[in-house]
N, C-alpha and C. Protein backbone atom coordinates (compact mmCIF):
# COMPACT_ATOMS: atom_id res chain seq x y z
N MET A 1 19.21 1.11 -0.41
CA MET A 1 17.92 1.82 -0.33
C MET A 1 17.88 2.10 1.22
N LYS A 2 17.47 3.23 1.41
CA LYS A 2 17.21 3.64 2.87
C LYS A 2 15.83 3.42 3.40
N PRO A 3 15.65 2.98 4.57
CA PRO A 3 14.26 2.85 4.96
C PRO A 3 13.43 4.24 5.19
N ILE A 4 12.25 4.00 4.96
CA ILE A 4 11.34 5.35 5.23
C ILE A 4 10.90 5.50 6.39
N ALA A 5 10.80 4.37 7.19
CA ALA A 5 10.24 4.49 8.61
C ALA A 5 10.59 3.28 9.29
N TRP A 6 10.35 3.27 10.61
CA TRP A 6 10.67 2.11 11.47
C TRP A 6 9.42 1.52 12.15
N TYR A 7 9.39 0.27 12.54
CA TYR A 7 8.22 -0.28 13.00
C TYR A 7 8.57 -1.19 14.16
N ASP A 8 7.93 -0.96 15.32
CA ASP A 8 8.09 -1.83 16.47
C ASP A 8 6.99 -2.88 16.70
N PRO A 9 7.23 -4.06 16.33
CA PRO A 9 6.18 -5.00 16.38
C PRO A 9 5.68 -5.34 17.88
N THR A 10 6.51 -5.02 18.85
CA THR A 10 5.98 -5.18 20.24
C THR A 10 4.90 -4.44 20.70
N ASN A 11 4.83 -3.23 20.06
CA ASN A 11 3.60 -2.28 20.57
C ASN A 11 2.96 -1.73 19.18
N GLY A 12 3.35 -2.09 18.06
CA GLY A 12 2.64 -1.73 16.77
C GLY A 12 2.97 -0.21 16.33
N MET A 13 3.97 0.34 16.91
CA MET A 13 4.23 1.81 16.57
C MET A 13 5.15 2.00 15.40
N VAL A 14 4.78 3.04 14.55
CA VAL A 14 5.66 3.29 13.46
C VAL A 14 6.10 4.75 13.55
N SER A 15 7.42 4.92 13.30
CA SER A 15 7.95 6.31 13.25
C SER A 15 9.08 6.47 12.15
N THR A 16 9.30 7.57 11.69
CA THR A 16 10.36 7.81 10.81
C THR A 16 11.75 8.06 11.52
N ASP A 17 11.58 8.16 12.86
CA ASP A 17 12.93 8.19 13.71
C ASP A 17 12.96 6.94 14.34
N LYS A 18 14.31 6.22 14.04
CA LYS A 18 14.64 5.06 14.62
C LYS A 18 14.71 5.03 16.15
N ASP A 19 14.98 6.18 16.66
CA ASP A 19 15.27 6.29 18.19
C ASP A 19 14.01 6.92 18.72
N SER A 20 12.83 6.80 18.24
CA SER A 20 11.72 7.31 18.82
C SER A 20 11.42 6.77 20.10
N PRO A 21 10.79 7.71 21.03
CA PRO A 21 10.41 7.23 22.39
C PRO A 21 9.25 6.47 22.51
N LEU A 22 8.52 6.40 21.33
CA LEU A 22 7.29 5.51 21.12
C LEU A 22 7.72 4.12 21.14
N PHE A 23 9.00 3.85 20.75
CA PHE A 23 9.16 2.32 20.64
C PHE A 23 9.61 1.73 21.89
N THR A 24 9.29 0.51 22.05
CA THR A 24 9.52 -0.23 23.38
C THR A 24 11.13 -0.27 23.58
N PRO A 25 11.61 0.05 24.78
CA PRO A 25 13.00 0.27 25.00
C PRO A 25 13.92 -0.93 24.53
N LEU A 26 13.50 -2.18 24.81
CA LEU A 26 14.25 -3.36 24.38
C LEU A 26 13.61 -4.07 23.16
N GLY A 27 12.62 -3.50 22.52
CA GLY A 27 11.95 -4.22 21.48
C GLY A 27 12.95 -4.04 20.13
N GLN A 28 12.52 -5.11 19.23
CA GLN A 28 13.18 -5.11 17.92
C GLN A 28 12.59 -4.16 16.96
N VAL A 29 13.37 -3.13 16.46
CA VAL A 29 12.75 -2.14 15.50
C VAL A 29 13.09 -2.61 14.16
N LEU A 30 12.13 -2.64 13.31
CA LEU A 30 12.34 -3.24 11.97
C LEU A 30 12.18 -1.96 10.83
N PRO A 31 13.16 -2.05 9.91
CA PRO A 31 13.10 -0.95 8.97
C PRO A 31 11.82 -1.29 7.86
N LEU A 32 11.34 -0.13 7.43
CA LEU A 32 10.16 -0.26 6.37
C LEU A 32 10.50 0.51 5.13
N TYR A 33 10.45 -0.15 3.97
CA TYR A 33 10.88 0.35 2.74
C TYR A 33 9.69 0.62 1.73
N THR A 34 9.87 1.52 0.88
CA THR A 34 8.80 1.75 -0.11
C THR A 34 8.83 0.58 -1.25
N LYS A 35 7.85 0.28 -1.90
CA LYS A 35 7.89 -0.63 -2.89
C LYS A 35 8.18 -0.06 -4.08
N LEU A 36 9.21 -0.45 -4.84
CA LEU A 36 9.72 0.06 -5.94
C LEU A 36 8.81 -0.22 -7.10
N THR A 37 8.81 0.65 -8.08
CA THR A 37 8.20 0.35 -9.51
C THR A 37 9.20 -0.41 -10.43
N TRP A 38 8.61 -1.32 -11.03
CA TRP A 38 9.50 -2.18 -11.95
C TRP A 38 9.95 -1.25 -13.09
N VAL A 39 11.07 -1.20 -13.40
CA VAL A 39 11.71 -0.50 -14.56
C VAL A 39 12.40 -1.59 -15.42
N GLY A 40 11.86 -1.80 -16.54
CA GLY A 40 12.36 -2.88 -17.47
C GLY A 40 13.08 -2.23 -18.54
N LEU A 41 13.66 -3.06 -19.49
CA LEU A 41 14.25 -2.56 -20.80
C LEU A 41 13.29 -2.29 -21.69
N THR A 42 13.47 -1.33 -22.50
CA THR A 42 12.64 -1.16 -23.77
C THR A 42 13.01 -2.02 -24.73
N LYS A 43 12.18 -2.07 -25.77
CA LYS A 43 12.37 -3.06 -27.09
C LYS A 43 13.67 -2.54 -27.72
N GLU A 44 13.75 -1.22 -27.77
CA GLU A 44 14.93 -0.70 -28.34
C GLU A 44 16.37 -1.10 -27.60
N GLU A 45 16.23 -0.90 -26.40
CA GLU A 45 17.55 -1.46 -25.48
C GLU A 45 17.75 -2.90 -25.66
N ARG A 46 16.67 -3.80 -25.60
CA ARG A 46 16.77 -5.17 -25.81
C ARG A 46 17.54 -5.34 -27.06
N HIS A 47 17.03 -4.61 -28.11
CA HIS A 47 17.54 -4.91 -29.52
C HIS A 47 19.00 -4.52 -29.59
N GLU A 48 19.30 -3.44 -29.05
CA GLU A 48 20.77 -3.00 -29.05
C GLU A 48 21.67 -3.99 -28.29
N ILE A 49 21.19 -4.51 -27.25
CA ILE A 49 22.06 -5.66 -26.44
C ILE A 49 22.08 -6.91 -27.31
N SER A 50 21.08 -7.29 -28.00
CA SER A 50 21.07 -8.32 -28.83
C SER A 50 21.99 -8.26 -30.02
N LEU A 51 21.96 -7.04 -30.70
CA LEU A 51 22.80 -6.73 -31.71
C LEU A 51 24.34 -6.81 -31.28
N ALA A 52 24.58 -6.44 -30.05
CA ALA A 52 26.03 -6.35 -29.54
C ALA A 52 26.43 -7.72 -29.15
N ASN A 53 25.46 -8.75 -28.93
CA ASN A 53 25.86 -10.04 -28.59
C ASN A 53 25.38 -10.91 -29.57
N LYS A 54 24.55 -11.99 -29.15
CA LYS A 54 23.95 -12.93 -30.19
C LYS A 54 22.48 -12.68 -30.32
N PRO A 55 21.85 -13.06 -31.41
CA PRO A 55 20.40 -12.73 -31.52
C PRO A 55 19.40 -13.47 -30.34
N TYR A 56 19.83 -14.56 -30.06
CA TYR A 56 18.97 -15.23 -28.96
C TYR A 56 19.01 -14.52 -27.49
N VAL A 57 19.97 -13.70 -27.32
CA VAL A 57 20.05 -12.97 -26.08
C VAL A 57 18.95 -12.22 -25.72
N ALA A 58 18.24 -11.63 -26.69
CA ALA A 58 17.04 -10.75 -26.44
C ALA A 58 15.96 -11.57 -26.04
N ASP A 59 15.72 -12.77 -26.45
CA ASP A 59 14.77 -13.70 -25.95
C ASP A 59 14.87 -14.17 -24.46
N ILE A 60 16.26 -14.39 -24.20
CA ILE A 60 16.53 -14.89 -22.89
C ILE A 60 16.35 -13.70 -21.87
N MET A 61 16.60 -12.54 -22.35
CA MET A 61 16.43 -11.27 -21.49
C MET A 61 14.84 -11.03 -21.26
N VAL A 62 13.92 -11.30 -22.27
CA VAL A 62 12.64 -11.23 -22.08
C VAL A 62 12.01 -12.09 -21.13
N ALA A 63 12.68 -13.42 -21.27
CA ALA A 63 12.12 -14.46 -20.22
C ALA A 63 12.54 -14.07 -18.76
N HIS A 64 13.70 -13.64 -18.63
CA HIS A 64 14.22 -13.28 -17.31
C HIS A 64 13.37 -12.12 -16.73
N GLU A 65 13.23 -11.21 -17.65
CA GLU A 65 12.48 -10.00 -17.11
C GLU A 65 11.02 -10.34 -16.67
N GLU A 66 10.36 -11.33 -17.56
CA GLU A 66 9.00 -11.72 -17.09
C GLU A 66 9.04 -12.50 -15.80
N GLU A 67 10.02 -13.35 -15.57
CA GLU A 67 10.20 -14.01 -14.41
C GLU A 67 10.33 -13.06 -13.08
N LEU A 68 11.24 -12.08 -13.39
CA LEU A 68 11.38 -10.96 -12.29
C LEU A 68 10.24 -10.22 -11.97
N LYS A 69 9.42 -9.92 -12.98
CA LYS A 69 8.13 -9.13 -12.84
C LYS A 69 7.22 -10.11 -11.91
N ARG A 70 7.06 -11.31 -12.20
CA ARG A 70 6.22 -12.26 -11.59
C ARG A 70 6.63 -12.37 -10.13
N ARG A 71 7.82 -12.42 -9.92
CA ARG A 71 8.36 -12.65 -8.45
C ARG A 71 8.23 -11.34 -7.65
N ASN A 72 8.31 -10.17 -8.26
CA ASN A 72 8.23 -8.90 -7.61
C ASN A 72 6.97 -8.23 -7.53
N ALA A 73 5.90 -8.88 -8.02
CA ALA A 73 4.58 -8.35 -8.17
C ALA A 73 4.00 -8.42 -6.73
C-alpha cells in the first residue's frame, strides 16, 4: 500500500509530496496511510471452504476473523 501523505513530526507539517519544502531539512518524514475497511468472507465463501476441507474449518475461520476484526478496530 502506498502512503497518501507524509508527516514531519519536527514541525507538524503534512504534505502529499515527500520532498516538500515545508519539511525540516534533516527531519524524519513519516508516511501516512488510509485506514482500510475490513473485508471478510461471506457465509457462502466460508461454507465453500469448509466443504472443500473439513467441517470444523469454518468455525476456525470465524474465530480468526473475529479476532482480526478486534485487533484492527
